[in-house]
């Protein structure tokens, strides 16, 4: 009865604007991460850009959580809104963790699989941008949302494969050389893999919302 009653009440739609802002910020952060992975003297500049976009994303996340507390009727369950924006923010946070590791260890050159992972992360972020507006009319967009979330999961799998390939190549490259270079490289690989994992979490949250609303 409560769900039926809520369906006839006007809903606060600004959540979708906030979701869209966060998603666009995530894309900008992913592009900065991708540029960082090109290496060279400009690496610290792109690390700083990642940090700035992460800060912007945090501010949007706080707006969403504040709006959840203050809004009487939300587009869908409050817990789902919180989980969705948190999973989106976790992906950006993990990008920042990658940049922090690069700054900490003064890395200026990156392995080819790392750069490939960066490109796939940009694809993940762009898919989220496509998916979020569709949540405004879930019933009409179930098929497209399903396709997008499936693609996010596939990209996460490809990133996992690159992580394993990269670690093996890194081991072979450094097993008779500098152990610290392997350790640093492995940490960067792990951070990049976790970014894709967090985007897969976003896909799972979207699927959860679709299941509850359809």
Protein backbone atom coordinates (compact mmCIF):
# COMPACT_ATOMS: atom_id res chain seq x y z
CA UNK A 1 0.00 0.00 0.00
CA UNK A 2 2.82 2.40 0.87
CA UNK A 3 4.53 1.83 -2.49
CA UNK A 4 1.21 2.44 -4.28
CA UNK A 5 0.70 5.67 -2.32
CA UNK A 6 4.23 6.90 -3.00
CA UNK A 7 3.78 6.34 -6.73
CA UNK A 8 1.21 9.16 -6.87
CA UNK A 9 3.26 11.70 -4.94
CA UNK A 10 5.59 14.18 -6.67
CA UNK A 11 9.20 13.07 -6.46
CA UNK A 12 12.34 15.13 -6.04
CA UNK A 13 14.11 14.83 -9.39
CA UNK A 14 17.30 16.73 -8.53
CA UNK A 15 18.90 13.43 -7.60
CA UNK A 16 19.27 12.64 -11.30
CA UNK A 17 21.04 15.95 -11.88
CA UNK A 18 23.42 15.15 -9.04
CA UNK A 19 24.00 11.63 -10.36
CA UNK A 20 24.77 13.08 -13.79
CA UNK A 21 27.20 15.63 -12.34
CA UNK A 22 29.01 12.94 -10.41
CA UNK A 23 29.18 10.66 -13.45
CA UNK A 24 30.62 13.43 -15.64
CA UNK A 25 33.18 14.18 -12.93
CA UNK A 26 34.06 10.48 -12.90
CA UNK A 27 34.70 10.59 -16.65
CA UNK A 28 36.95 13.63 -16.25
CA UNK A 29 38.82 11.86 -13.46
CA UNK A 30 39.21 8.70 -15.57
CA UNK A 31 40.58 10.72 -18.50
CA UNK A 32 43.08 12.41 -16.17
CA UNK A 33 44.06 8.95 -14.90
CA UNK A 34 44.50 7.73 -18.47
CA UNK A 35 46.69 10.75 -19.26
CA UNK A 36 48.71 10.09 -16.10
CA UNK A 37 49.42 6.55 -17.31
CA UNK A 38 51.09 7.93 -20.44
CA UNK A 39 53.98 8.81 -18.17
CA UNK A 40 56.66 11.46 -18.61
CA UNK A 41 57.34 14.74 -16.88
CA UNK A 42 53.67 15.75 -16.90
CA UNK A 43 52.69 12.81 -14.70
CA UNK A 44 52.42 14.89 -11.48
CA UNK A 45 50.15 17.39 -13.26
CA UNK A 46 47.66 14.66 -14.11
CA UNK A 47 47.91 13.21 -10.61
CA UNK A 48 46.85 16.60 -9.28
CA UNK A 49 43.93 16.67 -11.72
CA UNK A 50 42.80 13.28 -10.45
CA UNK A 51 42.90 14.64 -6.91
CA UNK A 52 40.85 17.70 -7.86
CA UNK A 53 38.17 15.67 -9.61
CA UNK A 54 38.02 13.32 -6.64
CA UNK A 55 37.42 16.31 -4.38
CA UNK A 56 34.65 17.53 -6.70
CA UNK A 57 33.05 14.08 -6.67
CA UNK A 58 33.14 14.01 -2.86
CA UNK A 59 31.29 17.33 -2.73
CA UNK A 60 28.56 16.00 -5.02
CA UNK A 61 28.26 12.84 -2.95
CA UNK A 62 27.73 14.94 0.17
CA UNK A 63 24.99 16.88 -1.66
CA UNK A 64 23.24 13.63 -2.51
CA UNK A 65 23.42 12.28 1.03
CA UNK A 66 22.15 15.58 2.43
CA UNK A 67 19.28 15.57 -0.07
CA UNK A 68 18.35 12.01 0.92
CA UNK A 69 17.95 13.12 4.53
CA UNK A 70 15.91 16.21 3.66
CA UNK A 71 13.68 14.92 0.86
CA UNK A 72 10.27 13.47 1.67
CA UNK A 73 9.71 11.53 -1.57
CA UNK A 74 12.74 10.17 -3.40
CA UNK A 75 12.77 8.64 -6.93
CA UNK A 76 13.53 5.24 -5.44
CA UNK A 77 14.48 3.75 -2.08
CA UNK A 78 16.75 5.94 0.05
CA UNK A 79 19.06 3.05 0.72
CA UNK A 80 19.42 2.43 -3.02
CA UNK A 81 20.25 6.09 -3.63
CA UNK A 82 22.89 5.99 -0.89
CA UNK A 83 24.38 2.74 -2.18
CA UNK A 84 24.47 3.95 -5.78
CA UNK A 85 26.21 7.27 -5.11
CA UNK A 86 28.58 5.60 -2.65
CA UNK A 87 29.61 2.97 -5.20
CA UNK A 88 30.11 5.70 -7.82
CA UNK A 89 32.23 7.69 -5.40
CA UNK A 90 34.26 4.62 -4.44
CA UNK A 91 35.36 4.29 -8.08
CA UNK A 92 36.65 7.86 -8.09
CA UNK A 93 38.28 7.37 -4.68
CA UNK A 94 40.15 4.38 -6.06
CA UNK A 95 41.40 6.46 -8.99
CA UNK A 96 42.80 8.88 -6.45
CA UNK A 97 44.47 6.03 -4.58
CA UNK A 98 46.20 5.09 -7.83
CA UNK A 99 47.42 8.66 -8.30
CA UNK A 100 48.60 8.79 -4.68
CA UNK A 101 50.72 5.68 -5.22
CA UNK A 102 52.24 7.22 -8.35
CA UNK A 103 53.15 10.39 -6.44
CA UNK A 104 54.45 8.47 -3.42
CA UNK A 105 56.78 6.27 -5.47
CA UNK A 106 57.63 8.97 -8.05
CA UNK A 107 56.62 6.77 -10.97
CA UNK A 108 57.11 8.32 -14.41
CA UNK A 109 56.85 5.30 -16.72
CA UNK A 110 54.01 2.78 -16.98
CA UNK A 111 53.68 -0.66 -18.51
CA UNK A 112 51.48 -1.18 -21.62
CA UNK A 113 48.85 -3.24 -19.73
CA UNK A 114 48.50 -0.38 -17.24
CA UNK A 115 47.72 2.01 -20.08
CA UNK A 116 45.21 -0.46 -21.50
CA UNK A 117 43.54 -0.69 -18.11
CA UNK A 118 43.34 3.10 -18.03
CA UNK A 119 41.54 3.13 -21.38
CA UNK A 120 39.03 0.52 -20.17
CA UNK A 121 38.38 2.55 -17.02
CA UNK A 122 37.43 5.52 -19.21
CA UNK A 123 35.01 3.22 -21.04
CA UNK A 124 33.50 2.16 -17.71
CA UNK A 125 32.97 5.77 -16.66
CA UNK A 126 31.31 6.61 -19.97
CA UNK A 127 28.93 3.66 -19.60
CA UNK A 128 27.82 4.95 -16.21
CA UNK A 129 27.11 8.35 -17.77
CA UNK A 130 24.87 6.59 -20.29
CA UNK A 131 23.09 4.47 -17.70
CA UNK A 132 22.08 7.01 -15.06
CA UNK A 133 19.55 9.09 -17.07
CA UNK A 134 17.76 5.86 -17.97
CA UNK A 135 16.90 5.38 -14.30
CA UNK A 136 14.35 8.19 -14.61
CA UNK A 137 12.13 5.82 -16.64
CA UNK A 138 13.28 2.38 -15.60
CA UNK A 139 10.32 0.48 -17.04
CA UNK A 140 11.01 1.79 -20.53
CA UNK A 141 14.76 1.25 -20.29
CA UNK A 142 15.21 -2.17 -18.67
CA UNK A 143 16.80 -3.72 -21.76
CA UNK A 144 19.28 -0.90 -22.28
CA UNK A 145 20.19 -0.77 -18.59
CA UNK A 146 20.79 -4.52 -18.65
CA UNK A 147 23.04 -4.23 -21.69
CA UNK A 148 25.05 -1.42 -20.11
CA UNK A 149 25.55 -3.22 -16.82
CA UNK A 150 26.55 -6.40 -18.64
CA UNK A 151 29.12 -4.40 -20.59
CA UNK A 152 30.48 -2.92 -17.35
CA UNK A 153 30.93 -6.43 -15.98
CA UNK A 154 32.70 -7.52 -19.17
CA UNK A 155 35.07 -4.55 -18.96
CA UNK A 156 35.82 -5.40 -15.35
CA UNK A 157 36.71 -8.92 -16.48
CA UNK A 158 39.03 -7.58 -19.17
CA UNK A 159 40.75 -5.37 -16.59
CA UNK A 160 41.20 -8.42 -14.36
CA UNK A 161 42.86 -10.25 -17.25
CA UNK A 162 45.20 -7.32 -17.92
CA UNK A 163 46.04 -7.21 -14.21
CA UNK A 164 47.14 -10.85 -14.29
CA UNK A 165 49.03 -10.47 -17.57
CA UNK A 166 50.73 -7.33 -16.32
CA UNK A 167 51.81 -8.88 -13.04
CA UNK A 168 53.33 -11.85 -14.86
CA UNK A 169 55.21 -9.59 -17.27
CA UNK A 170 56.37 -7.44 -14.37
CA UNK A 171 57.67 -10.47 -12.49
CA UNK A 172 59.60 -11.73 -15.51
CA UNK A 173 61.01 -8.28 -16.11
CA UNK A 174 62.23 -7.69 -12.55
CA UNK A 175 62.89 -11.13 -11.07
CA UNK A 176 66.64 -10.72 -11.54
CA UNK A 177 66.64 -6.96 -11.05
CA UNK A 178 65.16 -4.42 -8.63
CA UNK A 179 62.54 -6.02 -6.36
CA UNK A 180 61.16 -2.61 -5.40
CA UNK A 181 60.25 -1.90 -9.03
CA UNK A 182 58.10 -5.04 -8.99
CA UNK A 183 56.47 -4.09 -5.70
CA UNK A 184 55.62 -0.59 -6.91
CA UNK A 185 54.33 -1.83 -10.25
CA UNK A 186 52.22 -4.50 -8.55
CA UNK A 187 50.62 -1.89 -6.29
CA UNK A 188 49.66 0.27 -9.26
CA UNK A 189 48.17 -2.76 -11.02
CA UNK A 190 46.16 -3.58 -7.90
CA UNK A 191 44.79 -0.05 -7.61
CA UNK A 192 43.76 -0.01 -11.28
CA UNK A 193 42.03 -3.35 -10.91
CA UNK A 194 40.11 -2.04 -7.90
CA UNK A 195 38.85 0.94 -9.93
CA UNK A 196 37.22 -1.49 -12.36
CA UNK A 197 35.89 -3.54 -9.43
CA UNK A 198 34.18 -0.44 -8.06
CA UNK A 199 32.56 0.26 -11.44
CA UNK A 200 31.27 -3.32 -11.38
CA UNK A 201 29.78 -2.47 -7.99
CA UNK A 202 27.98 0.44 -9.66
CA UNK A 203 26.58 -2.00 -12.23
CA UNK A 204 25.34 -4.23 -9.41
CA UNK A 205 23.65 -1.30 -7.67
CA UNK A 206 21.91 -0.29 -10.90
CA UNK A 207 20.70 -3.86 -11.38
CA UNK A 208 19.40 -3.93 -7.83
CA UNK A 209 17.39 -0.74 -8.41
CA UNK A 210 15.98 -2.12 -11.67
CA UNK A 211 14.88 -5.35 -9.97
CA UNK A 212 13.13 -3.46 -7.17
CA UNK A 213 11.38 -0.99 -9.49
CA UNK A 214 10.16 -3.26 -12.28
